[in-house]
Amino acid sequence: MGQGDILLLYTDGLTDAFSAFTQKRMERTLIRAREKPAQEICKAIIEERGGPADQIDDLSLVVIKRE
């Protein structure tokens, strides 16, 4: 990983078939938040998805950002 690179690991619960949060939408959210620290990127993705209220499947999300 180079400086500023972001590694995003997530389970299928983030973009599952029952959610309106698609992979494309997740990518757009990541692009908008890319200058933020890893914890803020994670929060932005969860907030854009709509939080845990609509969660049917398990959701794991890991954001690693090299400064």
PDB file of N, CA and C in Angstrom:
ATOM      1  N   MET A   1       0.844  -1.176   0.000  1.00  0.00           N
ATOM      2  CA  MET A   1       0.000   0.000   0.000  1.00  0.00           C
ATOM      3  C   MET A   1       0.889   1.239   0.000  1.00  0.00           C
ATOM      4  N   GLY A   2       0.529   2.186  -0.835  1.00  0.00           N
ATOM      5  CA  GLY A   2       1.249   3.441  -0.892  1.00  0.00           C
ATOM      6  C   GLY A   2       0.596   4.487   0.000  1.00  0.00           C
ATOM      7  N   GLN A   3       1.264   5.589   0.147  1.00  0.00           N
ATOM      8  CA  GLN A   3       0.749   6.670   0.977  1.00  0.00           C
ATOM      9  C   GLN A   3      -0.617   7.137   0.467  1.00  0.00           C
ATOM     10  N   GLY A   4      -1.574   7.239   1.383  1.00  0.00           N
ATOM     11  CA  GLY A   4      -2.926   7.672   1.034  1.00  0.00           C
ATOM     12  C   GLY A   4      -3.842   6.571   0.535  1.00  0.00           C
ATOM     13  N   ASP A   5      -3.298   5.350   0.323  1.00  0.00           N
ATOM     14  CA  ASP A   5      -4.131   4.242  -0.141  1.00  0.00           C
ATOM     15  C   ASP A   5      -5.092   3.799   0.953  1.00  0.00           C
ATOM     16  N   ILE A   6      -6.242   3.296   0.544  1.00  0.00           N
ATOM     17  CA  ILE A   6      -7.277   2.830   1.465  1.00  0.00           C
ATOM     18  C   ILE A   6      -7.607   1.383   1.134  1.00  0.00           C
ATOM     19  N   LEU A   7      -7.616   0.546   2.162  1.00  0.00           N
ATOM     20  CA  LEU A   7      -8.038  -0.845   2.029  1.00  0.00           C
ATOM     21  C   LEU A   7      -9.375  -0.973   2.733  1.00  0.00           C
ATOM     22  N   LEU A   8     -10.384  -1.413   2.003  1.00  0.00           N
ATOM     23  CA  LEU A   8     -11.729  -1.561   2.544  1.00  0.00           C
ATOM     24  C   LEU A   8     -12.112  -3.030   2.488  1.00  0.00           C
ATOM     25  N   LEU A   9     -12.388  -3.604   3.646  1.00  0.00           N
ATOM     26  CA  LEU A   9     -12.820  -4.990   3.743  1.00  0.00           C
ATOM     27  C   LEU A   9     -14.221  -4.990   4.349  1.00  0.00           C
ATOM     28  N   TYR A  10     -15.136  -5.752   3.755  1.00  0.00           N
ATOM     29  CA  TYR A  10     -16.493  -5.781   4.288  1.00  0.00           C
ATOM     30  C   TYR A  10     -17.170  -7.097   3.946  1.00  0.00           C
ATOM     31  N   THR A  11     -18.149  -7.450   4.763  1.00  0.00           N
ATOM     32  CA  THR A  11     -18.935  -8.648   4.497  1.00  0.00           C
ATOM     33  C   THR A  11     -20.106  -8.286   3.583  1.00  0.00           C
ATOM     34  N   ASP A  12     -20.744  -9.280   3.058  1.00  0.00           N
ATOM     35  CA  ASP A  12     -21.837  -9.048   2.107  1.00  0.00           C
ATOM     36  C   ASP A  12     -23.042  -8.369   2.735  1.00  0.00           C
ATOM     37  N   GLY A  13     -23.090  -8.277   4.056  1.00  0.00           N
ATOM     38  CA  GLY A  13     -24.190  -7.587   4.712  1.00  0.00           C
ATOM     39  C   GLY A  13     -24.214  -6.097   4.417  1.00  0.00           C
ATOM     40  N   LEU A  14     -23.088  -5.541   3.987  1.00  0.00           N
ATOM     41  CA  LEU A  14     -23.035  -4.114   3.665  1.00  0.00           C
ATOM     42  C   LEU A  14     -23.839  -3.807   2.407  1.00  0.00           C
ATOM     43  N   THR A  15     -23.725  -4.655   1.420  1.00  0.00           N
ATOM     44  CA  THR A  15     -24.384  -4.419   0.129  1.00  0.00           C
ATOM     45  C   THR A  15     -25.313  -5.577  -0.237  1.00  0.00           C
ATOM     46  N   ASP A  16     -25.996  -6.127   0.758  1.00  0.00           N
ATOM     47  CA  ASP A  16     -26.830  -7.304   0.490  1.00  0.00           C
ATOM     48  C   ASP A  16     -28.013  -6.980  -0.429  1.00  0.00           C
ATOM     49  N   ALA A  17     -28.626  -8.015  -0.916  1.00  0.00           N
ATOM     50  CA  ALA A  17     -29.706  -7.867  -1.904  1.00  0.00           C
ATOM     51  C   ALA A  17     -30.934  -7.140  -1.361  1.00  0.00           C
ATOM     52  N   PHE A  18     -31.104  -7.117  -0.057  1.00  0.00           N
ATOM     53  CA  PHE A  18     -32.272  -6.477   0.553  1.00  0.00           C
ATOM     54  C   PHE A  18     -32.023  -5.003   0.886  1.00  0.00           C
ATOM     55  N   SER A  19     -30.846  -4.521   0.572  1.00  0.00           N
ATOM     56  CA  SER A  19     -30.476  -3.151   0.902  1.00  0.00           C
ATOM     57  C   SER A  19     -30.417  -2.305  -0.365  1.00  0.00           C
ATOM     58  N   ALA A  20     -30.785  -1.038  -0.242  1.00  0.00           N
ATOM     59  CA  ALA A  20     -30.657  -0.108  -1.367  1.00  0.00           C
ATOM     60  C   ALA A  20     -29.219   0.390  -1.495  1.00  0.00           C
ATOM     61  N   PHE A  21     -28.371  -0.004  -0.553  1.00  0.00           N
ATOM     62  CA  PHE A  21     -26.978   0.425  -0.566  1.00  0.00           C
ATOM     63  C   PHE A  21     -26.181  -0.512  -1.462  1.00  0.00           C
ATOM     64  N   THR A  22     -25.988  -0.105  -2.699  1.00  0.00           N
ATOM     65  CA  THR A  22     -25.299  -0.924  -3.693  1.00  0.00           C
ATOM     66  C   THR A  22     -23.789  -0.718  -3.610  1.00  0.00           C
ATOM     67  N   GLN A  23     -23.058  -1.561  -4.304  1.00  0.00           N
ATOM     68  CA  GLN A  23     -21.599  -1.420  -4.340  1.00  0.00           C
ATOM     69  C   GLN A  23     -21.221  -0.085  -4.977  1.00  0.00           C
ATOM     70  N   LYS A  24     -21.929   0.328  -6.007  1.00  0.00           N
ATOM     71  CA  LYS A  24     -21.660   1.603  -6.674  1.00  0.00           C
ATOM     72  C   LYS A  24     -21.842   2.771  -5.699  1.00  0.00           C
ATOM     73  N   ARG A  25     -22.903   2.709  -4.913  1.00  0.00           N
ATOM     74  CA  ARG A  25     -23.166   3.760  -3.927  1.00  0.00           C
ATOM     75  C   ARG A  25     -22.075   3.774  -2.849  1.00  0.00           C
ATOM     76  N   MET A  26     -21.627   2.580  -2.442  1.00  0.00           N
ATOM     77  CA  MET A  26     -20.548   2.469  -1.469  1.00  0.00           C
ATOM     78  C   MET A  26     -19.265   3.068  -2.029  1.00  0.00           C
ATOM     79  N   GLU A  27     -18.970   2.823  -3.290  1.00  0.00           N
ATOM     80  CA  GLU A  27     -17.772   3.377  -3.928  1.00  0.00           C
ATOM     81  C   GLU A  27     -17.837   4.905  -3.979  1.00  0.00           C
ATOM     82  N   ARG A  28     -19.004   5.450  -4.306  1.00  0.00           N
ATOM     83  CA  ARG A  28     -19.151   6.918  -4.341  1.00  0.00           C
ATOM     84  C   ARG A  28     -18.951   7.519  -2.955  1.00  0.00           C
ATOM     85  N   THR A  29     -19.457   6.839  -1.937  1.00  0.00           N
ATOM     86  CA  THR A  29     -19.283   7.309  -0.564  1.00  0.00           C
ATOM     87  C   THR A  29     -17.809   7.282  -0.186  1.00  0.00           C
ATOM     88  N   LEU A  30     -17.123   6.228  -0.548  1.00  0.00           N
ATOM     89  CA  LEU A  30     -15.695   6.111  -0.258  1.00  0.00           C
ATOM     90  C   LEU A  30     -14.898   7.212  -0.954  1.00  0.00           C
ATOM     91  N   ILE A  31     -15.226   7.495  -2.194  1.00  0.00           N
ATOM     92  CA  ILE A  31     -14.533   8.557  -2.934  1.00  0.00           C
ATOM     93  C   ILE A  31     -14.736   9.912  -2.265  1.00  0.00           C
ATOM     94  N   ARG A  32     -15.964  10.196  -1.830  1.00  0.00           N
ATOM     95  CA  ARG A  32     -16.236  11.479  -1.158  1.00  0.00           C
ATOM     96  C   ARG A  32     -15.500  11.603   0.171  1.00  0.00           C
ATOM     97  N   ALA A  33     -15.290  10.490   0.858  1.00  0.00           N
ATOM     98  CA  ALA A  33     -14.695  10.520   2.200  1.00  0.00           C
ATOM     99  C   ALA A  33     -13.204  10.197   2.208  1.00  0.00           C
ATOM    100  N   ARG A  34     -12.600  10.001   1.056  1.00  0.00           N
ATOM    101  CA  ARG A  34     -11.227   9.480   0.990  1.00  0.00           C
ATOM    102  C   ARG A  34     -10.167  10.326   1.683  1.00  0.00           C
ATOM    103  N   GLU A  35     -10.390  11.604   1.878  1.00  0.00           N
ATOM    104  CA  GLU A  35      -9.401  12.464   2.535  1.00  0.00           C
ATOM    105  C   GLU A  35      -9.490  12.390   4.060  1.00  0.00           C
ATOM    106  N   LYS A  36     -10.526  11.765   4.575  1.00  0.00           N
ATOM    107  CA  LYS A  36     -10.744  11.676   6.019  1.00  0.00           C
ATOM    108  C   LYS A  36      -9.939  10.516   6.612  1.00  0.00           C
ATOM    109  N   PRO A  37      -9.761  10.521   7.940  1.00  0.00           N
ATOM    110  CA  PRO A  37      -9.123   9.374   8.602  1.00  0.00           C
ATOM    111  C   PRO A  37      -9.978   8.113   8.452  1.00  0.00           C
ATOM    112  N   ALA A  38      -9.377   6.951   8.641  1.00  0.00           N
ATOM    113  CA  ALA A  38     -10.062   5.663   8.453  1.00  0.00           C
ATOM    114  C   ALA A  38     -11.350   5.566   9.266  1.00  0.00           C
ATOM    115  N   GLN A  39     -11.327   6.000  10.523  1.00  0.00           N
ATOM    116  CA  GLN A  39     -12.522   5.909  11.362  1.00  0.00           C
ATOM    117  C   GLN A  39     -13.662   6.752  10.793  1.00  0.00           C
ATOM    118  N   GLU A  40     -13.346   7.910  10.252  1.00  0.00           N
ATOM    119  CA  GLU A  40     -14.370   8.782   9.669  1.00  0.00           C
ATOM    120  C   GLU A  40     -14.904   8.205   8.353  1.00  0.00           C
ATOM    121  N   ILE A  41     -14.046   7.539   7.593  1.00  0.00           N
ATOM    122  CA  ILE A  41     -14.487   6.873   6.366  1.00  0.00           C
ATOM    123  C   ILE A  41     -15.498   5.780   6.721  1.00  0.00           C
ATOM    124  N   CYS A  42     -15.176   5.011   7.743  1.00  0.00           N
ATOM    125  CA  CYS A  42     -16.073   3.945   8.194  1.00  0.00           C
ATOM    126  C   CYS A  42     -17.419   4.530   8.615  1.00  0.00           C
ATOM    127  N   LYS A  43     -17.396   5.596   9.394  1.00  0.00           N
ATOM    128  CA  LYS A  43     -18.633   6.246   9.832  1.00  0.00           C
ATOM    129  C   LYS A  43     -19.441   6.760   8.642  1.00  0.00           C
ATOM    130  N   ALA A  44     -18.763   7.346   7.660  1.00  0.00           N
ATOM    131  CA  ALA A  44     -19.449   7.880   6.480  1.00  0.00           C
ATOM    132  C   ALA A  44     -20.165   6.769   5.717  1.00  0.00           C
ATOM    133  N   ILE A  45     -19.522   5.619   5.591  1.00  0.00           N
ATOM    134  CA  ILE A  45     -20.135   4.488   4.885  1.00  0.00           C
ATOM    135  C   ILE A  45     -21.355   3.987   5.642  1.00  0.00           C
ATOM    136  N   ILE A  46     -21.233   3.818   6.954  1.00  0.00           N
ATOM    137  CA  ILE A  46     -22.355   3.338   7.765  1.00  0.00           C
ATOM    138  C   ILE A  46     -23.512   4.340   7.733  1.00  0.00           C
ATOM    139  N   GLU A  47     -23.210   5.624   7.848  1.00  0.00           N
ATOM    140  CA  GLU A  47     -24.259   6.652   7.803  1.00  0.00           C
ATOM    141  C   GLU A  47     -24.957   6.687   6.449  1.00  0.00           C
ATOM    142  N   GLU A  48     -24.184   6.596   5.373  1.00  0.00           N
ATOM    143  CA  GLU A  48     -24.773   6.615   4.026  1.00  0.00           C
ATOM    144  C   GLU A  48     -25.659   5.384   3.808  1.00  0.00           C
ATOM    145  N   ARG A  49     -25.267   4.278   4.396  1.00  0.00           N
ATOM    146  CA  ARG A  49     -26.056   3.054   4.258  1.00  0.00           C
ATOM    147  C   ARG A  49     -27.375   3.160   5.010  1.00  0.00           C
ATOM    148  N   GLY A  50     -27.433   4.032   6.001  1.00  0.00           N
ATOM    149  CA  GLY A  50     -28.660   4.190   6.761  1.00  0.00           C
ATOM    150  C   GLY A  50     -28.547   3.673   8.179  1.00  0.00           C
ATOM    151  N   GLY A  51     -27.338   3.373   8.606  1.00  0.00           N
ATOM    152  CA  GLY A  51     -27.129   2.896   9.966  1.00  0.00           C
ATOM    153  C   GLY A  51     -27.548   1.453  10.133  1.00  0.00           C
ATOM    154  N   PRO A  52     -27.488   0.957  11.354  1.00  0.00           N
ATOM    155  CA  PRO A  52     -27.793  -0.456  11.611  1.00  0.00           C
ATOM    156  C   PRO A  52     -29.280  -0.771  11.670  1.00  0.00           C
ATOM    157  N   ALA A  53     -30.150   0.233  11.617  1.00  0.00           N
ATOM    158  CA  ALA A  53     -31.590   0.003  11.785  1.00  0.00           C
ATOM    159  C   ALA A  53     -32.167  -0.952  10.737  1.00  0.00           C
ATOM    160  N   ASP A  54     -31.721  -0.858   9.497  1.00  0.00           N
ATOM    161  CA  ASP A  54     -32.263  -1.687   8.414  1.00  0.00           C
ATOM    162  C   ASP A  54     -31.484  -2.986   8.224  1.00  0.00           C
ATOM    163  N   GLN A  55     -30.599  -3.301   9.135  1.00  0.00           N
ATOM    164  CA  GLN A  55     -29.695  -4.430   8.972  1.00  0.00           C
ATOM    165  C   GLN A  55     -30.413  -5.755   9.134  1.00  0.00           C
ATOM    166  N   ILE A  56     -30.350  -6.607   8.106  1.00  0.00           N
ATOM    167  CA  ILE A  56     -30.922  -7.952   8.153  1.00  0.00           C
ATOM    168  C   ILE A  56     -29.799  -8.968   8.340  1.00  0.00           C
ATOM    169  N   ASP A  57     -28.733  -8.802   7.596  1.00  0.00           N
ATOM    170  CA  ASP A  57     -27.575  -9.695   7.617  1.00  0.00           C
ATOM    171  C   ASP A  57     -26.500  -9.080   8.512  1.00  0.00           C
ATOM    172  N   ASP A  58     -25.526  -9.905   8.920  1.00  0.00           N
ATOM    173  CA  ASP A  58     -24.418  -9.363   9.700  1.00  0.00           C
ATOM    174  C   ASP A  58     -23.612  -8.397   8.843  1.00  0.00           C
ATOM    175  N   LEU A  59     -22.949  -7.471   9.484  1.00  0.00           N
ATOM    176  CA  LEU A  59     -22.163  -6.473   8.763  1.00  0.00           C
ATOM    177  C   LEU A  59     -20.841  -6.285   9.482  1.00  0.00           C
ATOM    178  N   SER A  60     -19.758  -6.520   8.759  1.00  0.00           N
ATOM    179  CA  SER A  60     -18.420  -6.221   9.267  1.00  0.00           C
ATOM    180  C   SER A  60     -17.755  -5.306   8.271  1.00  0.00           C
ATOM    181  N   LEU A  61     -17.077  -4.289   8.792  1.00  0.00           N
ATOM    182  CA  LEU A  61     -16.448  -3.289   7.940  1.00  0.00           C
ATOM    183  C   LEU A  61     -15.118  -2.908   8.567  1.00  0.00           C
ATOM    184  N   VAL A  62     -14.050  -2.995   7.769  1.00  0.00           N
ATOM    185  CA  VAL A  62     -12.721  -2.611   8.219  1.00  0.00           C
ATOM    186  C   VAL A  62     -12.157  -1.636   7.199  1.00  0.00           C
ATOM    187  N   VAL A  63     -11.691  -0.487   7.684  1.00  0.00           N
ATOM    188  CA  VAL A  63     -11.068   0.499   6.820  1.00  0.00           C
ATOM    189  C   VAL A  63      -9.654   0.715   7.312  1.00  0.00           C
ATOM    190  N   ILE A  64      -8.679   0.516   6.441  1.00  0.00           N
ATOM    191  CA  ILE A  64      -7.273   0.754   6.754  1.00  0.00           C
ATOM    192  C   ILE A  64      -6.772   1.798   5.774  1.00  0.00           C
ATOM    193  N   LYS A  65      -6.174   2.851   6.312  1.00  0.00           N
ATOM    194  CA  LYS A  65      -5.668   3.923   5.462  1.00  0.00           C
ATOM    195  C   LYS A  65      -4.220   4.186   5.821  1.00  0.00           C
ATOM    196  N   ARG A  66      -3.365   4.167   4.832  1.00  0.00           N
ATOM    197  CA  ARG A  66      -1.951   4.459   5.058  1.00  0.00           C
ATOM    198  C   ARG A  66      -1.754   5.963   4.933  1.00  0.00           C
ATOM    199  N   GLU A  67      -1.246   6.546   6.000  1.00  0.00           N
ATOM    200  CA  GLU A  67      -1.008   7.999   6.023  1.00  0.00           C
ATOM    201  C   GLU A  67       0.302   8.340   5.367  1.00  0.00           C
TER     202      GLU A  67
END
